[in-house]
């Protein structure tokens, strides 16, 4: 049986196939391992792209609302820039973190 195994590995086609498999999995610049990593990176980049496209769409809608509606503009100014009318007072409540 041991002689059959040695004879099997002495075959030039088996040796060539083994060298090819080793070359394609580890040595080559475009090996299977590198392709696997690149495909995962591409998947992550596509997910980020869709996230940013959705965020841009939300911002476009918010910008349109702010530029067309005066009440929305006033609400935005009050929430983000703490703007107030002359006869109003603003009280900020800041929660402290408990460590």
PDB file of N, CA and C in Angstrom:
ATOM      1  N   UNK A   1       0.829  -1.194   0.000  1.00  0.00           N
ATOM      2  CA  UNK A   1       0.000   0.000   0.000  1.00  0.00           C
ATOM      3  C   UNK A   1       0.868   1.250   0.000  1.00  0.00           C
ATOM      4  N   UNK A   2       1.953   1.205   0.761  1.00  0.00           N
ATOM      5  CA  UNK A   2       2.855   2.346   0.822  1.00  0.00           C
ATOM      6  C   UNK A   2       3.483   2.610  -0.542  1.00  0.00           C
ATOM      7  N   UNK A   3       3.739   1.543  -1.277  1.00  0.00           N
ATOM      8  CA  UNK A   3       4.327   1.683  -2.611  1.00  0.00           C
ATOM      9  C   UNK A   3       3.336   2.312  -3.586  1.00  0.00           C
ATOM     10  N   UNK A   4       2.035   2.022  -3.395  1.00  0.00           N
ATOM     11  CA  UNK A   4       1.019   2.623  -4.256  1.00  0.00           C
ATOM     12  C   UNK A   4       0.938   4.132  -4.026  1.00  0.00           C
ATOM     13  N   UNK A   5       1.053   4.541  -2.778  1.00  0.00           N
ATOM     14  CA  UNK A   5       1.014   5.967  -2.453  1.00  0.00           C
ATOM     15  C   UNK A   5       2.220   6.676  -3.039  1.00  0.00           C
ATOM     16  N   UNK A   6       3.391   6.084  -2.900  1.00  0.00           N
ATOM     17  CA  UNK A   6       4.605   6.680  -3.471  1.00  0.00           C
ATOM     18  C   UNK A   6       4.497   6.738  -4.990  1.00  0.00           C
ATOM     19  N   UNK A   7       3.979   5.677  -5.586  1.00  0.00           N
ATOM     20  CA  UNK A   7       3.823   5.648  -7.033  1.00  0.00           C
ATOM     21  C   UNK A   7       2.817   6.717  -7.484  1.00  0.00           C
ATOM     22  N   UNK A   8       1.767   6.919  -6.697  1.00  0.00           N
ATOM     23  CA  UNK A   8       0.758   7.934  -7.006  1.00  0.00           C
ATOM     24  C   UNK A   8       1.387   9.333  -7.013  1.00  0.00           C
ATOM     25  N   UNK A   9       2.238   9.635  -6.030  1.00  0.00           N
ATOM     26  CA  UNK A   9       2.848  10.954  -5.941  1.00  0.00           C
ATOM     27  C   UNK A   9       4.022  11.139  -6.900  1.00  0.00           C
ATOM     28  N   UNK A  10       4.496  10.095  -7.513  1.00  0.00           N
ATOM     29  CA  UNK A  10       5.537  10.222  -8.520  1.00  0.00           C
ATOM     30  C   UNK A  10       4.960  10.570  -9.893  1.00  0.00           C
ATOM     31  N   UNK A  11       3.669  10.479 -10.039  1.00  0.00           N
ATOM     32  CA  UNK A  11       3.014  10.808 -11.290  1.00  0.00           C
ATOM     33  C   UNK A  11       3.182  12.306 -11.569  1.00  0.00           C
ATOM     34  N   UNK A  12       3.558  12.648 -12.799  1.00  0.00           N
ATOM     35  CA  UNK A  12       3.841  14.044 -13.114  1.00  0.00           C
ATOM     36  C   UNK A  12       2.566  14.898 -13.095  1.00  0.00           C
ATOM     37  N   UNK A  13       1.409  14.320 -13.354  1.00  0.00           N
ATOM     38  CA  UNK A  13       0.171  15.069 -13.317  1.00  0.00           C
ATOM     39  C   UNK A  13      -0.238  15.410 -11.879  1.00  0.00           C
ATOM     40  N   UNK A  14       0.001  14.485 -10.972  1.00  0.00           N
ATOM     41  CA  UNK A  14      -0.304  14.735  -9.559  1.00  0.00           C
ATOM     42  C   UNK A  14       0.619  15.813  -9.007  1.00  0.00           C
ATOM     43  N   UNK A  15       1.890  15.716  -9.335  1.00  0.00           N
ATOM     44  CA  UNK A  15       2.855  16.722  -8.872  1.00  0.00           C
ATOM     45  C   UNK A  15       2.488  18.095  -9.427  1.00  0.00           C
ATOM     46  N   UNK A  16       2.151  18.156 -10.704  1.00  0.00           N
ATOM     47  CA  UNK A  16       1.759  19.424 -11.328  1.00  0.00           C
ATOM     48  C   UNK A  16       0.485  19.966 -10.690  1.00  0.00           C
ATOM     49  N   UNK A  17      -0.460  19.107 -10.432  1.00  0.00           N
ATOM     50  CA  UNK A  17      -1.708  19.543  -9.799  1.00  0.00           C
ATOM     51  C   UNK A  17      -1.464  20.071  -8.389  1.00  0.00           C
ATOM     52  N   UNK A  18      -0.636  19.378  -7.625  1.00  0.00           N
ATOM     53  CA  UNK A  18      -0.327  19.844  -6.271  1.00  0.00           C
ATOM     54  C   UNK A  18       0.392  21.193  -6.281  1.00  0.00           C
ATOM     55  N   UNK A  19       1.340  21.335  -7.182  1.00  0.00           N
ATOM     56  CA  UNK A  19       2.051  22.615  -7.296  1.00  0.00           C
ATOM     57  C   UNK A  19       1.071  23.725  -7.679  1.00  0.00           C
ATOM     58  N   UNK A  20       0.159  23.431  -8.601  1.00  0.00           N
ATOM     59  CA  UNK A  20      -0.838  24.413  -9.011  1.00  0.00           C
ATOM     60  C   UNK A  20      -1.739  24.821  -7.847  1.00  0.00           C
ATOM     61  N   UNK A  21      -2.195  23.853  -7.077  1.00  0.00           N
ATOM     62  CA  UNK A  21      -3.074  24.145  -5.938  1.00  0.00           C
ATOM     63  C   UNK A  21      -2.345  24.993  -4.895  1.00  0.00           C
ATOM     64  N   UNK A  22      -1.109  24.634  -4.593  1.00  0.00           N
ATOM     65  CA  UNK A  22      -0.332  25.417  -3.632  1.00  0.00           C
ATOM     66  C   UNK A  22      -0.110  26.822  -4.164  1.00  0.00           C
ATOM     67  N   UNK A  23       0.215  26.921  -5.435  1.00  0.00           N
ATOM     68  CA  UNK A  23       0.457  28.231  -6.044  1.00  0.00           C
ATOM     69  C   UNK A  23      -0.797  29.109  -5.977  1.00  0.00           C
ATOM     70  N   UNK A  24      -1.945  28.553  -6.303  1.00  0.00           N
ATOM     71  CA  UNK A  24      -3.174  29.337  -6.353  1.00  0.00           C
ATOM     72  C   UNK A  24      -3.717  29.693  -4.974  1.00  0.00           C
ATOM     73  N   UNK A  25      -3.407  28.896  -3.971  1.00  0.00           N
ATOM     74  CA  UNK A  25      -3.934  29.197  -2.644  1.00  0.00           C
ATOM     75  C   UNK A  25      -3.035  30.096  -1.816  1.00  0.00           C
ATOM     76  N   UNK A  26      -1.741  30.071  -2.025  1.00  0.00           N
ATOM     77  CA  UNK A  26      -0.872  30.799  -1.107  1.00  0.00           C
ATOM     78  C   UNK A  26       0.142  31.726  -1.769  1.00  0.00           C
ATOM     79  N   UNK A  27       0.707  31.341  -2.868  1.00  0.00           N
ATOM     80  CA  UNK A  27       1.860  32.064  -3.401  1.00  0.00           C
ATOM     81  C   UNK A  27       1.459  33.204  -4.336  1.00  0.00           C
ATOM     82  N   UNK A  28       0.522  32.993  -5.190  1.00  0.00           N
ATOM     83  CA  UNK A  28       0.178  33.944  -6.232  1.00  0.00           C
ATOM     84  C   UNK A  28      -0.365  35.252  -5.652  1.00  0.00           C
ATOM     85  N   UNK A  29      -0.126  36.345  -6.382  1.00  0.00           N
ATOM     86  CA  UNK A  29      -0.604  37.658  -5.954  1.00  0.00           C
ATOM     87  C   UNK A  29      -2.134  37.694  -5.936  1.00  0.00           C
ATOM     88  N   UNK A  30      -2.760  36.969  -6.807  1.00  0.00           N
ATOM     89  CA  UNK A  30      -4.215  36.899  -6.879  1.00  0.00           C
ATOM     90  C   UNK A  30      -4.713  35.552  -6.371  1.00  0.00           C
ATOM     91  N   UNK A  31      -4.195  35.114  -5.260  1.00  0.00           N
ATOM     92  CA  UNK A  31      -4.553  33.797  -4.737  1.00  0.00           C
ATOM     93  C   UNK A  31      -5.994  33.792  -4.224  1.00  0.00           C
ATOM     94  N   UNK A  32      -6.463  32.610  -3.913  1.00  0.00           N
ATOM     95  CA  UNK A  32      -7.825  32.464  -3.414  1.00  0.00           C
ATOM     96  C   UNK A  32      -8.008  33.207  -2.096  1.00  0.00           C
ATOM     97  N   UNK A  33      -7.003  33.211  -1.264  1.00  0.00           N
ATOM     98  CA  UNK A  33      -7.078  33.890   0.031  1.00  0.00           C
ATOM     99  C   UNK A  33      -7.229  35.397  -0.180  1.00  0.00           C
ATOM    100  N   UNK A  34      -6.438  35.951  -1.073  1.00  0.00           N
ATOM    101  CA  UNK A  34      -6.522  37.383  -1.360  1.00  0.00           C
ATOM    102  C   UNK A  34      -7.873  37.716  -1.983  1.00  0.00           C
ATOM    103  N   UNK A  35      -8.347  36.880  -2.884  1.00  0.00           N
ATOM    104  CA  UNK A  35      -9.637  37.119  -3.517  1.00  0.00           C
ATOM    105  C   UNK A  35     -10.771  37.080  -2.487  1.00  0.00           C
ATOM    106  N   UNK A  36     -10.668  36.183  -1.532  1.00  0.00           N
ATOM    107  CA  UNK A  36     -11.676  36.091  -0.470  1.00  0.00           C
ATOM    108  C   UNK A  36     -11.695  37.371   0.361  1.00  0.00           C
ATOM    109  N   UNK A  37     -10.513  37.859   0.741  1.00  0.00           N
ATOM    110  CA  UNK A  37     -10.435  39.096   1.516  1.00  0.00           C
ATOM    111  C   UNK A  37     -10.960  40.283   0.719  1.00  0.00           C
ATOM    112  N   UNK A  38     -10.611  40.336  -0.548  1.00  0.00           N
ATOM    113  CA  UNK A  38     -11.071  41.443  -1.391  1.00  0.00           C
ATOM    114  C   UNK A  38     -12.581  41.412  -1.596  1.00  0.00           C
ATOM    115  N   UNK A  39     -13.147  40.240  -1.698  1.00  0.00           N
ATOM    116  CA  UNK A  39     -14.603  40.154  -1.862  1.00  0.00           C
ATOM    117  C   UNK A  39     -15.324  40.627  -0.608  1.00  0.00           C
ATOM    118  N   UNK A  40     -14.779  40.317   0.566  1.00  0.00           N
ATOM    119  CA  UNK A  40     -15.381  40.806   1.805  1.00  0.00           C
ATOM    120  C   UNK A  40     -15.225  42.320   1.926  1.00  0.00           C
ATOM    121  N   UNK A  41     -14.099  42.837   1.526  1.00  0.00           N
ATOM    122  CA  UNK A  41     -13.894  44.284   1.557  1.00  0.00           C
ATOM    123  C   UNK A  41     -14.858  44.980   0.593  1.00  0.00           C
ATOM    124  N   UNK A  42     -15.062  44.395  -0.569  1.00  0.00           N
ATOM    125  CA  UNK A  42     -16.001  44.948  -1.538  1.00  0.00           C
ATOM    126  C   UNK A  42     -17.418  44.945  -0.983  1.00  0.00           C
ATOM    127  N   UNK A  43     -17.790  43.873  -0.300  1.00  0.00           N
ATOM    128  CA  UNK A  43     -19.119  43.788   0.305  1.00  0.00           C
ATOM    129  C   UNK A  43     -19.294  44.889   1.347  1.00  0.00           C
ATOM    130  N   UNK A  44     -18.284  45.102   2.192  1.00  0.00           N
ATOM    131  CA  UNK A  44     -18.359  46.160   3.197  1.00  0.00           C
ATOM    132  C   UNK A  44     -18.451  47.542   2.556  1.00  0.00           C
ATOM    133  N   UNK A  45     -17.703  47.766   1.498  1.00  0.00           N
ATOM    134  CA  UNK A  45     -17.737  49.057   0.821  1.00  0.00           C
ATOM    135  C   UNK A  45     -19.091  49.313   0.163  1.00  0.00           C
ATOM    136  N   UNK A  46     -19.683  48.273  -0.363  1.00  0.00           N
ATOM    137  CA  UNK A  46     -21.021  48.436  -0.951  1.00  0.00           C
ATOM    138  C   UNK A  46     -22.058  48.766   0.118  1.00  0.00           C
ATOM    139  N   UNK A  47     -21.942  48.154   1.290  1.00  0.00           N
ATOM    140  CA  UNK A  47     -22.856  48.473   2.376  1.00  0.00           C
ATOM    141  C   UNK A  47     -22.673  49.921   2.829  1.00  0.00           C
ATOM    142  N   UNK A  48     -21.415  50.361   2.930  1.00  0.00           N
ATOM    143  CA  UNK A  48     -21.154  51.747   3.303  1.00  0.00           C
ATOM    144  C   UNK A  48     -21.695  52.705   2.249  1.00  0.00           C
ATOM    145  N   UNK A  49     -21.554  52.339   0.995  1.00  0.00           N
ATOM    146  CA  UNK A  49     -22.053  53.183  -0.095  1.00  0.00           C
ATOM    147  C   UNK A  49     -23.563  53.356   0.022  1.00  0.00           C
ATOM    148  N   UNK A  50     -24.281  52.265   0.243  1.00  0.00           N
ATOM    149  CA  UNK A  50     -25.740  52.364   0.367  1.00  0.00           C
ATOM    150  C   UNK A  50     -26.127  53.184   1.594  1.00  0.00           C
ATOM    151  N   UNK A  51     -25.372  53.041   2.692  1.00  0.00           N
ATOM    152  CA  UNK A  51     -25.648  53.842   3.891  1.00  0.00           C
ATOM    153  C   UNK A  51     -25.478  55.330   3.584  1.00  0.00           C
ATOM    154  N   UNK A  52     -24.382  55.685   2.935  1.00  0.00           N
ATOM    155  CA  UNK A  52     -24.135  57.095   2.647  1.00  0.00           C
ATOM    156  C   UNK A  52     -25.114  57.655   1.622  1.00  0.00           C
ATOM    157  N   UNK A  53     -25.540  56.845   0.687  1.00  0.00           N
ATOM    158  CA  UNK A  53     -26.557  57.301  -0.264  1.00  0.00           C
ATOM    159  C   UNK A  53     -27.862  57.599   0.470  1.00  0.00           C
ATOM    160  N   UNK A  54     -28.234  56.738   1.421  1.00  0.00           N
ATOM    161  CA  UNK A  54     -29.444  56.987   2.213  1.00  0.00           C
ATOM    162  C   UNK A  54     -29.301  58.251   3.050  1.00  0.00           C
ATOM    163  N   UNK A  55     -28.132  58.459   3.636  1.00  0.00           N
ATOM    164  CA  UNK A  55     -27.909  59.664   4.444  1.00  0.00           C
ATOM    165  C   UNK A  55     -27.961  60.926   3.580  1.00  0.00           C
ATOM    166  N   UNK A  56     -27.408  60.863   2.390  1.00  0.00           N
ATOM    167  CA  UNK A  56     -27.460  62.012   1.481  1.00  0.00           C
ATOM    168  C   UNK A  56     -28.904  62.311   1.106  1.00  0.00           C
ATOM    169  N   UNK A  57     -29.692  61.282   0.877  1.00  0.00           N
ATOM    170  CA  UNK A  57     -31.099  61.479   0.537  1.00  0.00           C
ATOM    171  C   UNK A  57     -31.856  62.117   1.700  1.00  0.00           C
ATOM    172  N   UNK A  58     -31.582  61.677   2.931  1.00  0.00           N
ATOM    173  CA  UNK A  58     -32.215  62.288   4.102  1.00  0.00           C
ATOM    174  C   UNK A  58     -31.829  63.751   4.228  1.00  0.00           C
ATOM    175  N   UNK A  59     -30.548  64.053   4.018  1.00  0.00           N
ATOM    176  CA  UNK A  59     -30.090  65.436   4.115  1.00  0.00           C
ATOM    177  C   UNK A  59     -30.690  66.313   3.029  1.00  0.00           C
ATOM    178  N   UNK A  60     -30.839  65.764   1.823  1.00  0.00           N
ATOM    179  CA  UNK A  60     -31.485  66.532   0.749  1.00  0.00           C
ATOM    180  C   UNK A  60     -32.922  66.863   1.118  1.00  0.00           C
ATOM    181  N   UNK A  61     -33.632  65.886   1.677  1.00  0.00           N
ATOM    182  CA  UNK A  61     -35.018  66.129   2.089  1.00  0.00           C
ATOM    183  C   UNK A  61     -35.085  67.157   3.206  1.00  0.00           C
ATOM    184  N   UNK A  62     -34.179  67.063   4.171  1.00  0.00           N
ATOM    185  CA  UNK A  62     -34.162  68.028   5.267  1.00  0.00           C
ATOM    186  C   UNK A  62     -33.827  69.422   4.752  1.00  0.00           C
ATOM    187  N   UNK A  63     -32.886  69.531   3.846  1.00  0.00           N
ATOM    188  CA  UNK A  63     -32.524  70.817   3.263  1.00  0.00           C
ATOM    189  C   UNK A  63     -33.690  71.415   2.486  1.00  0.00           C
ATOM    190  N   UNK A  64     -34.393  70.574   1.757  1.00  0.00           N
ATOM    191  CA  UNK A  64     -35.565  71.060   1.019  1.00  0.00           C
ATOM    192  C   UNK A  64     -36.631  71.557   1.981  1.00  0.00           C
ATOM    193  N   UNK A  65     -36.874  70.811   3.068  1.00  0.00           N
ATOM    194  CA  UNK A  65     -37.863  71.232   4.062  1.00  0.00           C
ATOM    195  C   UNK A  65     -37.469  72.547   4.716  1.00  0.00           C
ATOM    196  N   UNK A  66     -36.197  72.683   5.041  1.00  0.00           N
ATOM    197  CA  UNK A  66     -35.736  73.906   5.710  1.00  0.00           C
ATOM    198  C   UNK A  66     -35.837  75.106   4.778  1.00  0.00           C
ATOM    199  N   UNK A  67     -35.498  74.907   3.517  1.00  0.00           N
ATOM    200  CA  UNK A  67     -35.499  76.038   2.598  1.00  0.00           C
ATOM    201  C   UNK A  67     -36.896  76.424   2.119  1.00  0.00           C
ATOM    202  N   UNK A  68     -37.895  75.555   2.257  1.00  0.00           N
ATOM    203  CA  UNK A  68     -39.239  75.879   1.783  1.00  0.00           C
ATOM    204  C   UNK A  68     -40.214  76.195   2.909  1.00  0.00           C
ATOM    205  N   UNK A  69     -39.990  75.709   4.112  1.00  0.00           N
ATOM    206  CA  UNK A  69     -40.940  75.880   5.197  1.00  0.00           C
ATOM    207  C   UNK A  69     -40.312  76.717   6.304  1.00  0.00           C
ATOM    208  N   UNK A  70     -40.964  77.832   6.659  1.00  0.00           N
ATOM    209  CA  UNK A  70     -40.428  78.735   7.672  1.00  0.00           C
ATOM    210  C   UNK A  70     -40.479  78.098   9.060  1.00  0.00           C
ATOM    211  N   UNK A  71     -41.533  77.342   9.344  1.00  0.00           N
ATOM    212  CA  UNK A  71     -41.643  76.707  10.661  1.00  0.00           C
ATOM    213  C   UNK A  71     -40.538  75.662  10.858  1.00  0.00           C
ATOM    214  N   UNK A  72     -40.220  74.933   9.813  1.00  0.00           N
ATOM    215  CA  UNK A  72     -39.147  73.945   9.899  1.00  0.00           C
ATOM    216  C   UNK A  72     -37.800  74.635  10.099  1.00  0.00           C
ATOM    217  N   UNK A  73     -37.597  75.756   9.428  1.00  0.00           N
ATOM    218  CA  UNK A  73     -36.367  76.523   9.600  1.00  0.00           C
ATOM    219  C   UNK A  73     -36.234  77.020  11.032  1.00  0.00           C
ATOM    220  N   UNK A  74     -37.340  77.531  11.596  1.00  0.00           N
ATOM    221  CA  UNK A  74     -37.317  78.005  12.984  1.00  0.00           C
ATOM    222  C   UNK A  74     -37.040  76.847  13.952  1.00  0.00           C
ATOM    223  N   UNK A  75     -37.656  75.710  13.722  1.00  0.00           N
ATOM    224  CA  UNK A  75     -37.437  74.539  14.569  1.00  0.00           C
ATOM    225  C   UNK A  75     -35.978  74.093  14.502  1.00  0.00           C
ATOM    226  N   UNK A  76     -35.410  74.079  13.295  1.00  0.00           N
ATOM    227  CA  UNK A  76     -34.010  73.691  13.129  1.00  0.00           C
ATOM    228  C   UNK A  76     -33.085  74.656  13.866  1.00  0.00           C
ATOM    229  N   UNK A  77     -33.329  75.935  13.734  1.00  0.00           N
ATOM    230  CA  UNK A  77     -32.508  76.935  14.426  1.00  0.00           C
ATOM    231  C   UNK A  77     -32.606  76.812  15.934  1.00  0.00           C
ATOM    232  N   UNK A  78     -33.783  76.559  16.440  1.00  0.00           N
ATOM    233  CA  UNK A  78     -33.962  76.407  17.892  1.00  0.00           C
ATOM    234  C   UNK A  78     -33.259  75.147  18.415  1.00  0.00           C
ATOM    235  N   UNK A  79     -33.364  74.045  17.690  1.00  0.00           N
ATOM    236  CA  UNK A  79     -32.793  72.791  18.174  1.00  0.00           C
ATOM    237  C   UNK A  79     -31.279  72.739  18.047  1.00  0.00           C
ATOM    238  N   UNK A  80     -30.739  73.216  16.949  1.00  0.00           N
ATOM    239  CA  UNK A  80     -29.313  73.033  16.689  1.00  0.00           C
ATOM    240  C   UNK A  80     -28.453  74.226  17.095  1.00  0.00           C
ATOM    241  N   UNK A  81     -29.013  75.409  17.049  1.00  0.00           N
ATOM    242  CA  UNK A  81     -28.207  76.595  17.337  1.00  0.00           C
ATOM    243  C   UNK A  81     -28.698  77.368  18.553  1.00  0.00           C
ATOM    244  N   UNK A  82     -29.665  76.814  19.265  1.00  0.00           N
ATOM    245  CA  UNK A  82     -30.205  77.391  20.496  1.00  0.00           C
ATOM    246  C   UNK A  82     -30.675  78.829  20.300  1.00  0.00           C
ATOM    247  N   UNK A  83     -31.261  79.116  19.153  1.00  0.00           N
ATOM    248  CA  UNK A  83     -31.809  80.443  18.881  1.00  0.00           C
ATOM    249  C   UNK A  83     -33.109  80.606  19.648  1.00  0.00           C
ATOM    250  N   UNK A  84     -33.425  81.842  19.961  1.00  0.00           N
ATOM    251  CA  UNK A  84     -34.635  82.120  20.731  1.00  0.00           C
ATOM    252  C   UNK A  84     -35.218  83.436  20.274  1.00  0.00           C
ATOM    253  N   UNK A  85     -36.449  83.641  20.657  1.00  0.00           N
ATOM    254  CA  UNK A  85     -37.096  84.926  20.409  1.00  0.00           C
ATOM    255  C   UNK A  85     -36.696  85.886  21.532  1.00  0.00           C
ATOM    256  N   UNK A  86     -37.016  87.170  21.351  1.00  0.00           N
ATOM    257  CA  UNK A  86     -36.597  88.174  22.335  1.00  0.00           C
ATOM    258  C   UNK A  86     -37.231  87.968  23.703  1.00  0.00           C
ATOM    259  N   UNK A  87     -38.434  87.491  23.762  1.00  0.00           N
ATOM    260  CA  UNK A  87     -39.135  87.363  25.044  1.00  0.00           C
ATOM    261  C   UNK A  87     -39.061  85.948  25.629  1.00  0.00           C
ATOM    262  N   UNK A  88     -38.118  85.139  25.210  1.00  0.00           N
ATOM    263  CA  UNK A  88     -38.021  83.759  25.689  1.00  0.00           C
ATOM    264  C   UNK A  88     -36.722  83.536  26.447  1.00  0.00           C
ATOM    265  N   UNK A  89     -36.737  82.552  27.325  1.00  0.00           N
ATOM    266  CA  UNK A  89     -35.538  82.085  28.022  1.00  0.00           C
ATOM    267  C   UNK A  89     -35.307  80.624  27.649  1.00  0.00           C
ATOM    268  N   UNK A  90     -34.044  80.252  27.572  1.00  0.00           N
ATOM    269  CA  UNK A  90     -33.694  78.872  27.238  1.00  0.00           C
ATOM    270  C   UNK A  90     -33.000  78.250  28.443  1.00  0.00           C
ATOM    271  N   UNK A  91     -33.455  77.074  28.835  1.00  0.00           N
ATOM    272  CA  UNK A  91     -32.835  76.332  29.919  1.00  0.00           C
ATOM    273  C   UNK A  91     -32.273  75.032  29.352  1.00  0.00           C
ATOM    274  N   UNK A  92     -30.988  74.824  29.528  1.00  0.00           N
ATOM    275  CA  UNK A  92     -30.353  73.605  29.064  1.00  0.00           C
ATOM    276  C   UNK A  92     -30.226  72.633  30.219  1.00  0.00           C
ATOM    277  N   UNK A  93     -30.637  71.411  30.004  1.00  0.00           N
ATOM    278  CA  UNK A  93     -30.514  70.366  31.010  1.00  0.00           C
ATOM    279  C   UNK A  93     -29.463  69.392  30.499  1.00  0.00           C
ATOM    280  N   UNK A  94     -28.358  69.305  31.218  1.00  0.00           N
ATOM    281  CA  UNK A  94     -27.238  68.431  30.822  1.00  0.00           C
ATOM    282  C   UNK A  94     -27.171  67.288  31.812  1.00  0.00           C
ATOM    283  N   UNK A  95     -27.266  66.078  31.318  1.00  0.00           N
ATOM    284  CA  UNK A  95     -27.179  64.895  32.172  1.00  0.00           C
ATOM    285  C   UNK A  95     -25.721  64.508  32.322  1.00  0.00           C
ATOM    286  N   UNK A  96     -25.301  64.309  33.555  1.00  0.00           N
ATOM    287  CA  UNK A  96     -23.908  63.894  33.815  1.00  0.00           C
ATOM    288  C   UNK A  96     -23.825  62.375  33.798  1.00  0.00           C
ATOM    289  N   UNK A  97     -22.718  61.898  33.301  1.00  0.00           N
ATOM    290  CA  UNK A  97     -22.500  60.453  33.257  1.00  0.00           C
ATOM    291  C   UNK A  97     -22.063  59.974  34.625  1.00  0.00           C
ATOM    292  N   UNK A  98     -22.624  58.856  35.058  1.00  0.00           N
ATOM    293  CA  UNK A  98     -22.213  58.253  36.320  1.00  0.00           C
ATOM    294  C   UNK A  98     -21.194  57.173  36.021  1.00  0.00           C
ATOM    295  N   UNK A  99     -19.993  57.350  36.539  1.00  0.00           N
ATOM    296  CA  UNK A  99     -18.927  56.369  36.290  1.00  0.00           C
ATOM    297  C   UNK A  99     -18.806  55.381  37.405  1.00  0.00           C
TER     298      UNK A  99
END
